[in-house]
Amino acid sequence: MSHKKYAFGLVTMVLALTALPASAHTLAGTAGGFGSGLAHPFLGIDHLLAMLAVGLWAVQLGGSAVWKVPLAFVVTMLLGAGLAGVDLPFIETVIAASVLVLGLAITLQWRLAPLLASLMVALFALFHGHAHGSAMPVTASPLIYFAGFAATTLVLHALGAASGYLLFQRSQAVLVRAGGMALAGAGLWLLIGV
């Protein structure tokens, strides 16, 4: 597939997944639901960076990790959102650490098996999901709100993966590693601020 077709497909997917319903067509009882879910991953730089990093690292790992690692993140994130009423310790610390660790994984080119990489991101996703679930508006339908942030997460994973794919196609692996260093630095900065 040419780069133009790949980029067009990616942009089309992003637009389709992030399109909000017109206000005349919203469902009763879902105020703050899907739209709030879509927006929530963008409200914290820690969520945004971690989700991009998952996609980027998955492409760096290659093979079945390209889909297994992001899928493990999304599924476990949804489970974590369902645990929003449970008191988890160190939520913000683990979320910030996820950015640092994923940045290091990219920078140092950690070559974990897909299962181990999936388990690692699943641990982080549990905490990201808990934070998303805890931020759910009172008036939102949990199912619709969860669908919103899951859609945004998939889009962010896809954007991270597309960035990695394009850089690797152009033999710019050094830029991927530089991006990993920037992520690790941001993660360290976030950890200091917790």
N, C-alpha and C. Protein backbone atom coordinates (compact mmCIF):
# COMPACT_ATOMS: atom_id res chain seq x y z
N MET A 1 0.85 -1.17 0.00
CA MET A 1 0.00 0.00 0.00
C MET A 1 0.90 1.23 0.00
N SER A 2 0.57 2.22 -0.85
CA SER A 2 1.38 3.43 -0.92
C SER A 2 1.19 4.26 0.35
N HIS A 3 2.16 5.14 0.58
CA HIS A 3 2.10 6.00 1.78
C HIS A 3 0.88 6.92 1.72
N LYS A 4 0.52 7.40 0.51
CA LYS A 4 -0.63 8.29 0.39
C LYS A 4 -1.92 7.56 0.75
N LYS A 5 -2.08 6.32 0.29
CA LYS A 5 -3.28 5.56 0.60
C LYS A 5 -3.33 5.24 2.09
N TYR A 6 -2.19 4.91 2.67
CA TYR A 6 -2.12 4.59 4.10
C TYR A 6 -2.49 5.82 4.92
N ALA A 7 -1.93 6.98 4.56
CA ALA A 7 -2.22 8.21 5.29
C ALA A 7 -3.69 8.60 5.14
N PHE A 8 -4.23 8.47 3.92
CA PHE A 8 -5.64 8.78 3.70
C PHE A 8 -6.54 7.88 4.54
N GLY A 9 -6.22 6.59 4.57
CA GLY A 9 -7.00 5.64 5.38
C GLY A 9 -6.94 5.97 6.85
N LEU A 10 -5.76 6.36 7.33
CA LEU A 10 -5.60 6.70 8.74
C LEU A 10 -6.40 7.96 9.10
N VAL A 11 -6.31 8.98 8.25
CA VAL A 11 -7.06 10.22 8.50
C VAL A 11 -8.56 9.94 8.48
N THR A 12 -9.01 9.14 7.53
CA THR A 12 -10.43 8.79 7.45
C THR A 12 -10.89 8.09 8.72
N MET A 13 -10.08 7.15 9.21
CA MET A 13 -10.42 6.42 10.43
C MET A 13 -10.48 7.36 11.63
N VAL A 14 -9.52 8.26 11.74
CA VAL A 14 -9.50 9.21 12.86
C VAL A 14 -10.74 10.08 12.83
N LEU A 15 -11.08 10.61 11.66
CA LEU A 15 -12.26 11.46 11.55
C LEU A 15 -13.54 10.70 11.86
N ALA A 16 -13.63 9.48 11.38
CA ALA A 16 -14.84 8.68 11.62
C ALA A 16 -15.01 8.36 13.10
N LEU A 17 -13.93 8.04 13.77
CA LEU A 17 -14.02 7.67 15.18
C LEU A 17 -14.20 8.86 16.11
N THR A 18 -13.78 10.03 15.68
CA THR A 18 -13.87 11.17 16.57
C THR A 18 -15.03 12.10 16.24
N ALA A 19 -15.80 11.79 15.21
CA ALA A 19 -16.95 12.63 14.87
C ALA A 19 -17.99 12.54 15.99
N LEU A 20 -18.41 13.69 16.46
CA LEU A 20 -19.42 13.73 17.52
C LEU A 20 -20.80 13.83 16.89
N PRO A 21 -21.81 13.22 17.52
CA PRO A 21 -23.15 13.31 16.96
C PRO A 21 -23.68 14.73 17.05
N ALA A 22 -24.51 15.11 16.10
CA ALA A 22 -25.15 16.43 16.15
C ALA A 22 -26.05 16.48 17.38
N SER A 23 -26.18 17.65 17.98
CA SER A 23 -26.93 17.74 19.23
C SER A 23 -28.39 17.34 19.05
N ALA A 24 -28.93 17.47 17.85
CA ALA A 24 -30.33 17.07 17.63
C ALA A 24 -30.50 15.56 17.62
N HIS A 25 -29.38 14.83 17.54
CA HIS A 25 -29.46 13.38 17.42
C HIS A 25 -28.90 12.65 18.63
N THR A 26 -28.64 13.35 19.71
CA THR A 26 -28.12 12.67 20.89
C THR A 26 -29.23 11.87 21.55
N LEU A 27 -28.84 10.79 22.18
CA LEU A 27 -29.80 9.93 22.85
C LEU A 27 -30.10 10.48 24.24
N ALA A 28 -31.34 10.37 24.64
CA ALA A 28 -31.72 10.83 25.97
C ALA A 28 -30.96 10.03 27.02
N GLY A 29 -30.50 10.70 28.05
CA GLY A 29 -29.82 10.02 29.15
C GLY A 29 -28.34 9.79 28.91
N THR A 30 -27.79 10.30 27.80
CA THR A 30 -26.38 10.06 27.53
C THR A 30 -25.56 11.35 27.59
N ALA A 31 -26.11 12.39 28.20
CA ALA A 31 -25.38 13.65 28.29
C ALA A 31 -24.02 13.40 28.90
N GLY A 32 -22.99 13.89 28.23
CA GLY A 32 -21.64 13.70 28.72
C GLY A 32 -21.10 12.31 28.48
N GLY A 33 -21.80 11.49 27.73
CA GLY A 33 -21.38 10.11 27.52
C GLY A 33 -20.27 9.94 26.51
N PHE A 34 -20.63 9.71 25.27
CA PHE A 34 -19.64 9.37 24.24
C PHE A 34 -18.65 10.51 24.03
N GLY A 35 -19.15 11.74 23.95
CA GLY A 35 -18.26 12.89 23.74
C GLY A 35 -17.26 13.07 24.87
N SER A 36 -17.72 12.91 26.10
CA SER A 36 -16.82 13.02 27.24
C SER A 36 -15.79 11.89 27.22
N GLY A 37 -16.25 10.70 26.85
CA GLY A 37 -15.32 9.57 26.74
C GLY A 37 -14.27 9.81 25.67
N LEU A 38 -14.71 10.34 24.53
CA LEU A 38 -13.77 10.65 23.45
C LEU A 38 -12.73 11.66 23.92
N ALA A 39 -13.17 12.66 24.66
CA ALA A 39 -12.28 13.75 25.04
C ALA A 39 -11.34 13.40 26.18
N HIS A 40 -11.74 12.49 27.06
CA HIS A 40 -10.97 12.29 28.29
C HIS A 40 -9.50 11.95 28.08
N PRO A 41 -9.13 11.07 27.14
CA PRO A 41 -7.70 10.79 26.96
C PRO A 41 -6.87 12.01 26.55
N PHE A 42 -7.53 13.04 25.99
CA PHE A 42 -6.82 14.24 25.59
C PHE A 42 -6.66 15.23 26.75
N LEU A 43 -7.37 15.00 27.84
CA LEU A 43 -7.35 15.94 28.95
C LEU A 43 -6.12 15.81 29.83
N GLY A 44 -5.41 14.71 29.71
CA GLY A 44 -4.19 14.52 30.49
C GLY A 44 -3.06 14.13 29.56
N ILE A 45 -1.98 14.89 29.60
CA ILE A 45 -0.84 14.61 28.71
C ILE A 45 -0.28 13.22 28.99
N ASP A 46 -0.42 12.75 30.24
CA ASP A 46 0.08 11.42 30.59
C ASP A 46 -0.67 10.33 29.82
N HIS A 47 -2.00 10.47 29.72
CA HIS A 47 -2.78 9.48 28.97
C HIS A 47 -2.42 9.54 27.49
N LEU A 48 -2.37 10.74 26.96
CA LEU A 48 -2.10 10.94 25.54
C LEU A 48 -0.75 10.34 25.15
N LEU A 49 0.29 10.65 25.91
CA LEU A 49 1.63 10.16 25.59
C LEU A 49 1.74 8.65 25.74
N ALA A 50 1.15 8.09 26.78
CA ALA A 50 1.22 6.64 26.99
C ALA A 50 0.54 5.90 25.84
N MET A 51 -0.60 6.40 25.39
CA MET A 51 -1.34 5.71 24.33
C MET A 51 -0.63 5.79 22.99
N LEU A 52 -0.01 6.94 22.70
CA LEU A 52 0.81 7.03 21.49
C LEU A 52 2.00 6.09 21.59
N ALA A 53 2.61 6.02 22.79
CA ALA A 53 3.79 5.17 22.99
C ALA A 53 3.47 3.70 22.80
N VAL A 54 2.29 3.27 23.23
CA VAL A 54 1.91 1.86 23.05
C VAL A 54 1.91 1.49 21.57
N GLY A 55 1.30 2.35 20.74
CA GLY A 55 1.27 2.07 19.31
C GLY A 55 2.66 2.08 18.69
N LEU A 56 3.47 3.04 19.09
CA LEU A 56 4.83 3.15 18.56
C LEU A 56 5.67 1.94 18.95
N TRP A 57 5.59 1.54 20.21
CA TRP A 57 6.38 0.39 20.67
C TRP A 57 5.90 -0.90 20.01
N ALA A 58 4.61 -1.02 19.81
CA ALA A 58 4.06 -2.22 19.17
C ALA A 58 4.63 -2.39 17.76
N VAL A 59 4.73 -1.29 17.02
CA VAL A 59 5.31 -1.36 15.67
C VAL A 59 6.80 -1.67 15.75
N GLN A 60 7.47 -1.10 16.74
CA GLN A 60 8.90 -1.38 16.91
C GLN A 60 9.12 -2.86 17.21
N LEU A 61 8.23 -3.46 18.01
CA LEU A 61 8.35 -4.89 18.31
C LEU A 61 8.06 -5.74 17.07
N GLY A 62 7.09 -5.31 16.28
CA GLY A 62 6.76 -6.00 15.04
C GLY A 62 5.98 -7.29 15.26
N GLY A 63 5.72 -7.99 14.19
CA GLY A 63 4.99 -9.26 14.24
C GLY A 63 3.61 -9.09 14.84
N SER A 64 3.20 -10.09 15.60
CA SER A 64 1.86 -10.06 16.19
C SER A 64 1.72 -9.02 17.30
N ALA A 65 2.85 -8.49 17.79
CA ALA A 65 2.79 -7.45 18.82
C ALA A 65 2.10 -6.20 18.30
N VAL A 66 2.10 -6.00 16.98
CA VAL A 66 1.49 -4.81 16.39
C VAL A 66 0.02 -4.72 16.77
N TRP A 67 -0.66 -5.84 16.88
CA TRP A 67 -2.07 -5.79 17.27
C TRP A 67 -2.31 -6.31 18.69
N LYS A 68 -1.46 -7.22 19.17
CA LYS A 68 -1.67 -7.79 20.51
C LYS A 68 -1.44 -6.77 21.62
N VAL A 69 -0.39 -5.99 21.50
CA VAL A 69 -0.05 -5.05 22.57
C VAL A 69 -1.12 -3.96 22.71
N PRO A 70 -1.54 -3.29 21.61
CA PRO A 70 -2.62 -2.31 21.77
C PRO A 70 -3.94 -2.93 22.22
N LEU A 71 -4.24 -4.12 21.74
CA LEU A 71 -5.48 -4.79 22.15
C LEU A 71 -5.46 -5.09 23.65
N ALA A 72 -4.32 -5.56 24.16
CA ALA A 72 -4.20 -5.83 25.59
C ALA A 72 -4.41 -4.55 26.39
N PHE A 73 -3.90 -3.44 25.88
CA PHE A 73 -4.07 -2.17 26.59
C PHE A 73 -5.54 -1.78 26.65
N VAL A 74 -6.22 -1.83 25.50
CA VAL A 74 -7.62 -1.39 25.45
C VAL A 74 -8.52 -2.28 26.31
N VAL A 75 -8.36 -3.59 26.21
CA VAL A 75 -9.21 -4.51 26.97
C VAL A 75 -9.00 -4.33 28.47
N THR A 76 -7.74 -4.25 28.89
CA THR A 76 -7.46 -4.09 30.32
C THR A 76 -7.87 -2.70 30.81
N MET A 77 -7.75 -1.70 29.95
CA MET A 77 -8.19 -0.36 30.32
C MET A 77 -9.69 -0.35 30.61
N LEU A 78 -10.46 -1.06 29.80
CA LEU A 78 -11.90 -1.15 30.03
C LEU A 78 -12.20 -1.86 31.35
N LEU A 79 -11.42 -2.90 31.65
CA LEU A 79 -11.58 -3.58 32.95
C LEU A 79 -11.26 -2.63 34.10
N GLY A 80 -10.20 -1.86 33.94
CA GLY A 80 -9.82 -0.89 34.96
C GLY A 80 -10.89 0.17 35.17
N ALA A 81 -11.53 0.59 34.08
CA ALA A 81 -12.61 1.58 34.20
C ALA A 81 -13.77 1.00 35.00
N GLY A 82 -14.02 -0.29 34.84
CA GLY A 82 -15.08 -0.94 35.60
C GLY A 82 -14.76 -1.05 37.08
N LEU A 83 -13.49 -0.86 37.44
CA LEU A 83 -13.07 -0.92 38.85
C LEU A 83 -12.99 0.47 39.47
N ALA A 84 -13.60 1.47 38.84
CA ALA A 84 -13.48 2.85 39.29
C ALA A 84 -13.88 3.03 40.76
N GLY A 85 -14.78 2.22 41.27
CA GLY A 85 -15.19 2.35 42.66
C GLY A 85 -14.23 1.71 43.64
N VAL A 86 -13.28 0.93 43.15
CA VAL A 86 -12.30 0.25 43.99
C VAL A 86 -11.12 1.19 44.21
N ASP A 87 -10.62 1.23 45.42
CA ASP A 87 -9.51 2.11 45.75
C ASP A 87 -8.18 1.47 45.34
N LEU A 88 -7.57 1.98 44.26
CA LEU A 88 -6.25 1.51 43.83
C LEU A 88 -5.20 2.50 44.33
N PRO A 89 -4.10 2.01 44.87
CA PRO A 89 -3.05 2.93 45.35
C PRO A 89 -2.20 3.44 44.19
N PHE A 90 -1.64 4.61 44.36
CA PHE A 90 -0.63 5.18 43.45
C PHE A 90 -1.09 5.30 42.00
N ILE A 91 -2.35 5.64 41.78
CA ILE A 91 -2.87 5.70 40.41
C ILE A 91 -2.08 6.68 39.55
N GLU A 92 -1.94 7.91 40.00
CA GLU A 92 -1.24 8.92 39.21
C GLU A 92 0.24 8.58 39.04
N THR A 93 0.83 7.99 40.06
CA THR A 93 2.24 7.60 39.97
C THR A 93 2.44 6.53 38.91
N VAL A 94 1.58 5.51 38.90
CA VAL A 94 1.71 4.44 37.91
C VAL A 94 1.45 4.96 36.51
N ILE A 95 0.48 5.86 36.36
CA ILE A 95 0.20 6.43 35.04
C ILE A 95 1.41 7.22 34.53
N ALA A 96 2.00 8.03 35.39
CA ALA A 96 3.20 8.78 34.99
C ALA A 96 4.35 7.82 34.69
N ALA A 97 4.50 6.79 35.52
CA ALA A 97 5.57 5.81 35.29
C ALA A 97 5.38 5.07 33.98
N SER A 98 4.12 4.91 33.55
CA SER A 98 3.88 4.22 32.28
C SER A 98 4.51 4.98 31.12
N VAL A 99 4.46 6.31 31.16
CA VAL A 99 5.06 7.11 30.10
C VAL A 99 6.58 6.94 30.12
N LEU A 100 7.17 6.97 31.32
CA LEU A 100 8.62 6.79 31.46
C LEU A 100 9.04 5.41 30.96
N VAL A 101 8.38 4.37 31.42
CA VAL A 101 8.77 3.00 31.08
C VAL A 101 8.57 2.73 29.58
N LEU A 102 7.45 3.16 29.03
CA LEU A 102 7.23 2.95 27.60
C LEU A 102 8.23 3.74 26.77
N GLY A 103 8.58 4.95 27.23
CA GLY A 103 9.61 5.72 26.54
C GLY A 103 10.96 5.00 26.57
N LEU A 104 11.30 4.41 27.71
CA LEU A 104 12.55 3.64 27.81
C LEU A 104 12.50 2.39 26.93
N ALA A 105 11.34 1.75 26.88
CA ALA A 105 11.19 0.55 26.04
C ALA A 105 11.47 0.88 24.58
N ILE A 106 11.00 2.04 24.14
CA ILE A 106 11.22 2.46 22.75
C ILE A 106 12.68 2.87 22.55
N THR A 107 13.21 3.68 23.46
CA THR A 107 14.58 4.17 23.35
C THR A 107 15.59 3.03 23.35
N LEU A 108 15.41 2.10 24.28
CA LEU A 108 16.36 0.99 24.44
C LEU A 108 16.01 -0.22 23.58
N GLN A 109 14.95 -0.09 22.79
CA GLN A 109 14.49 -1.14 21.88
C GLN A 109 14.31 -2.48 22.59
N TRP A 110 13.54 -2.45 23.68
CA TRP A 110 13.27 -3.69 24.41
C TRP A 110 12.56 -4.65 23.49
N ARG A 111 13.08 -5.84 23.35
CA ARG A 111 12.53 -6.85 22.45
C ARG A 111 11.81 -7.92 23.27
N LEU A 112 10.72 -7.55 23.90
CA LEU A 112 9.95 -8.52 24.67
C LEU A 112 9.06 -9.33 23.75
N ALA A 113 8.77 -10.56 24.17
CA ALA A 113 7.80 -11.38 23.44
C ALA A 113 6.44 -10.67 23.52
N PRO A 114 5.58 -10.86 22.51
CA PRO A 114 4.28 -10.19 22.53
C PRO A 114 3.49 -10.41 23.82
N LEU A 115 3.55 -11.60 24.38
CA LEU A 115 2.82 -11.87 25.62
C LEU A 115 3.35 -11.01 26.77
N LEU A 116 4.67 -10.95 26.92
CA LEU A 116 5.25 -10.14 28.01
C LEU A 116 5.00 -8.66 27.80
N ALA A 117 5.13 -8.20 26.56
CA ALA A 117 4.85 -6.79 26.27
C ALA A 117 3.38 -6.48 26.55
N SER A 118 2.50 -7.40 26.20
CA SER A 118 1.07 -7.21 26.45
C SER A 118 0.77 -7.16 27.93
N LEU A 119 1.42 -8.02 28.71
CA LEU A 119 1.23 -8.00 30.16
C LEU A 119 1.72 -6.70 30.78
N MET A 120 2.84 -6.20 30.27
CA MET A 120 3.37 -4.95 30.79
C MET A 120 2.41 -3.80 30.52
N VAL A 121 1.94 -3.67 29.28
CA VAL A 121 1.03 -2.56 29.00
C VAL A 121 -0.32 -2.76 29.68
N ALA A 122 -0.71 -4.01 29.89
CA ALA A 122 -1.98 -4.28 30.57
C ALA A 122 -1.94 -3.77 32.01
N LEU A 123 -0.81 -3.93 32.67
CA LEU A 123 -0.67 -3.41 34.04
C LEU A 123 -0.89 -1.90 34.05
N PHE A 124 -0.24 -1.22 33.12
CA PHE A 124 -0.42 0.23 33.04
C PHE A 124 -1.86 0.60 32.66
N ALA A 125 -2.43 -0.16 31.75
CA ALA A 125 -3.78 0.13 31.26
C ALA A 125 -4.82 0.02 32.37
N LEU A 126 -4.60 -0.87 33.32
CA LEU A 126 -5.52 -1.01 34.44
C LEU A 126 -5.66 0.33 35.18
N PHE A 127 -4.54 1.01 35.37
CA PHE A 127 -4.54 2.28 36.08
C PHE A 127 -5.08 3.41 35.21
N HIS A 128 -4.73 3.40 33.93
CA HIS A 128 -5.29 4.40 33.01
C HIS A 128 -6.82 4.24 32.96
N GLY A 129 -7.29 3.02 32.87
CA GLY A 129 -8.73 2.77 32.82
C GLY A 129 -9.42 3.21 34.10
N HIS A 130 -8.80 2.94 35.24
CA HIS A 130 -9.37 3.35 36.51
C HIS A 130 -9.55 4.87 36.54
N ALA A 131 -8.53 5.59 36.06
CA ALA A 131 -8.63 7.05 36.02
C ALA A 131 -9.75 7.50 35.09
N HIS A 132 -9.87 6.86 33.93
CA HIS A 132 -10.95 7.21 33.00
C HIS A 132 -12.32 6.94 33.63
N GLY A 133 -12.46 5.78 34.23
CA GLY A 133 -13.73 5.42 34.85
C GLY A 133 -14.10 6.35 36.00
N SER A 134 -13.11 6.76 36.77
CA SER A 134 -13.36 7.67 37.89
C SER A 134 -13.78 9.06 37.43
N ALA A 135 -13.41 9.42 36.21
CA ALA A 135 -13.74 10.75 35.69
C ALA A 135 -15.07 10.78 34.93
N MET A 136 -15.78 9.66 34.91
CA MET A 136 -17.02 9.60 34.16
C MET A 136 -18.05 10.58 34.73
N PRO A 137 -18.66 11.39 33.85
CA PRO A 137 -19.71 12.30 34.33
C PRO A 137 -20.87 11.52 34.95
N VAL A 138 -21.48 12.08 35.96
CA VAL A 138 -22.58 11.42 36.68
C VAL A 138 -23.73 11.08 35.75
N THR A 139 -23.98 11.93 34.77
CA THR A 139 -25.12 11.73 33.87
C THR A 139 -24.83 10.79 32.72
N ALA A 140 -23.59 10.33 32.59
CA ALA A 140 -23.20 9.52 31.44
C ALA A 140 -23.59 8.06 31.61
N SER A 141 -23.92 7.45 30.50
CA SER A 141 -24.11 6.00 30.46
C SER A 141 -22.72 5.37 30.45
N PRO A 142 -22.40 4.48 31.40
CA PRO A 142 -21.06 3.90 31.42
C PRO A 142 -20.66 3.24 30.10
N LEU A 143 -21.57 2.50 29.50
CA LEU A 143 -21.24 1.81 28.25
C LEU A 143 -20.87 2.79 27.15
N ILE A 144 -21.62 3.87 27.03
CA ILE A 144 -21.35 4.85 25.98
C ILE A 144 -20.08 5.64 26.29
N TYR A 145 -19.89 6.02 27.54
CA TYR A 145 -18.68 6.74 27.94
C TYR A 145 -17.45 5.87 27.71
N PHE A 146 -17.51 4.59 28.13
CA PHE A 146 -16.38 3.69 27.93
C PHE A 146 -16.08 3.51 26.44
N ALA A 147 -17.12 3.41 25.62
CA ALA A 147 -16.93 3.28 24.17
C ALA A 147 -16.20 4.50 23.63
N GLY A 148 -16.50 5.67 24.16
CA GLY A 148 -15.84 6.89 23.71
C GLY A 148 -14.35 6.90 24.00
N PHE A 149 -13.96 6.60 25.23
CA PHE A 149 -12.52 6.64 25.50
C PHE A 149 -11.79 5.45 24.91
N ALA A 150 -12.49 4.34 24.70
CA ALA A 150 -11.85 3.21 24.01
C ALA A 150 -11.58 3.57 22.55
N ALA A 151 -12.52 4.28 21.91
CA ALA A 151 -12.33 4.70 20.52
C ALA A 151 -11.15 5.65 20.39
N THR A 152 -11.07 6.62 21.30
CA THR A 152 -9.95 7.55 21.26
C THR A 152 -8.63 6.83 21.51
N THR A 153 -8.64 5.89 22.43
CA THR A 153 -7.42 5.13 22.71
C THR A 153 -6.96 4.36 21.47
N LEU A 154 -7.90 3.73 20.78
CA LEU A 154 -7.54 3.01 19.56
C LEU A 154 -6.96 3.95 18.50
N VAL A 155 -7.55 5.13 18.39
CA VAL A 155 -7.05 6.11 17.43
C VAL A 155 -5.63 6.55 17.81
N LEU A 156 -5.40 6.81 19.10
CA LEU A 156 -4.07 7.21 19.54
C LEU A 156 -3.05 6.10 19.34
N HIS A 157 -3.44 4.85 19.61
CA HIS A 157 -2.55 3.72 19.32
C HIS A 157 -2.22 3.69 17.83
N ALA A 158 -3.25 3.88 17.00
CA ALA A 158 -3.05 3.85 15.55
C ALA A 158 -2.13 4.98 15.09
N LEU A 159 -2.29 6.16 15.68
CA LEU A 159 -1.41 7.28 15.32
C LEU A 159 0.04 7.00 15.72
N GLY A 160 0.23 6.44 16.91
CA GLY A 160 1.58 6.06 17.33
C GLY A 160 2.17 5.01 16.41
N ALA A 161 1.34 4.02 16.06
CA ALA A 161 1.80 2.96 15.16
C ALA A 161 2.10 3.51 13.77
N ALA A 162 1.24 4.38 13.27
CA ALA A 162 1.46 4.96 11.93
C ALA A 162 2.74 5.78 11.90
N SER A 163 3.00 6.53 12.97
CA SER A 163 4.24 7.30 13.05
C SER A 163 5.44 6.38 12.98
N GLY A 164 5.41 5.32 13.78
CA GLY A 164 6.50 4.36 13.76
C GLY A 164 6.66 3.69 12.42
N TYR A 165 5.55 3.29 11.83
CA TYR A 165 5.58 2.62 10.54
C TYR A 165 6.21 3.52 9.48
N LEU A 166 5.78 4.78 9.43
CA LEU A 166 6.33 5.71 8.43
C LEU A 166 7.81 5.96 8.66
N LEU A 167 8.22 6.10 9.92
CA LEU A 167 9.64 6.33 10.20
C LEU A 167 10.48 5.10 9.86
N PHE A 168 9.98 3.91 10.18
CA PHE A 168 10.74 2.70 9.86
C PHE A 168 10.82 2.49 8.35
N GLN A 169 9.76 2.83 7.62
CA GLN A 169 9.76 2.70 6.16
C GLN A 169 10.81 3.62 5.55
N ARG A 170 11.06 4.72 6.19
CA ARG A 170 12.03 5.69 5.68
C ARG A 170 13.40 5.51 6.36
N SER A 171 13.60 4.38 6.99
CA SER A 171 14.86 4.06 7.66
C SER A 171 15.26 5.14 8.66
N GLN A 172 14.28 5.60 9.43
CA GLN A 172 14.52 6.63 10.42
C GLN A 172 14.32 6.09 11.84
N ALA A 173 14.85 4.90 12.09
CA ALA A 173 14.71 4.29 13.41
C ALA A 173 15.31 5.17 14.49
N VAL A 174 16.31 5.96 14.14
CA VAL A 174 16.93 6.86 15.11
C VAL A 174 15.91 7.90 15.60
N LEU A 175 14.99 8.31 14.74
CA LEU A 175 13.95 9.26 15.17
C LEU A 175 12.95 8.59 16.11
N VAL A 176 12.70 7.31 15.90
CA VAL A 176 11.82 6.57 16.81
C VAL A 176 12.46 6.53 18.19
N ARG A 177 13.75 6.24 18.23
CA ARG A 177 14.45 6.20 19.51
C ARG A 177 14.51 7.58 20.16
N ALA A 178 14.66 8.62 19.35
CA ALA A 178 14.65 9.99 19.89
C ALA A 178 13.27 10.30 20.47
N GLY A 179 12.22 9.84 19.79
CA GLY A 179 10.87 10.01 20.33
C GLY A 179 10.71 9.28 21.65
N GLY A 180 11.30 8.10 21.73
CA GLY A 180 11.28 7.34 22.99
C GLY A 180 11.97 8.10 24.10
N MET A 181 13.10 8.75 23.77
CA MET A 181 13.80 9.54 24.79
C MET A 181 12.94 10.71 25.25
N ALA A 182 12.25 11.35 24.30
CA ALA A 182 11.37 12.46 24.67
C ALA A 182 10.24 11.97 25.57
N LEU A 183 9.68 10.80 25.24
CA LEU A 183 8.63 10.23 26.08
C LEU A 183 9.15 9.91 27.48
N ALA A 184 10.34 9.31 27.55
CA ALA A 184 10.92 8.97 28.85
C ALA A 184 11.15 10.24 29.66
N GLY A 185 11.65 11.29 29.01
CA GLY A 185 11.86 12.56 29.70
C GLY A 185 10.56 13.15 30.21
N ALA A 186 9.52 13.08 29.38
CA ALA A 186 8.21 13.58 29.81
C ALA A 186 7.68 12.75 30.98
N GLY A 187 7.89 11.44 30.92
CA GLY A 187 7.46 10.57 32.01
C GLY A 187 8.17 10.90 33.31
N LEU A 188 9.47 11.17 33.22
CA LEU A 188 10.23 11.54 34.41
C LEU A 188 9.71 12.87 34.98
N TRP A 189 9.45 13.82 34.09
CA TRP A 189 8.90 15.12 34.51
C TRP A 189 7.54 14.93 35.18
N LEU A 190 6.70 14.06 34.62
CA LEU A 190 5.39 13.79 35.21
C LEU A 190 5.53 13.13 36.58
N LEU A 191 6.48 12.21 36.70
CA LEU A 191 6.70 11.53 37.98
C LEU A 191 7.15 12.52 39.05
N ILE A 192 8.00 13.44 38.69
CA ILE A 192 8.48 14.44 39.64
C ILE A 192 7.32 15.30 40.12
N GLY A 193 6.37 15.54 39.22
CA GLY A 193 5.23 16.38 39.56
C GLY A 193 4.14 15.69 40.35
N VAL A 194 4.21 14.37 40.50
CA VAL A 194 3.14 13.63 41.20
C VAL A 194 3.23 13.85 42.69
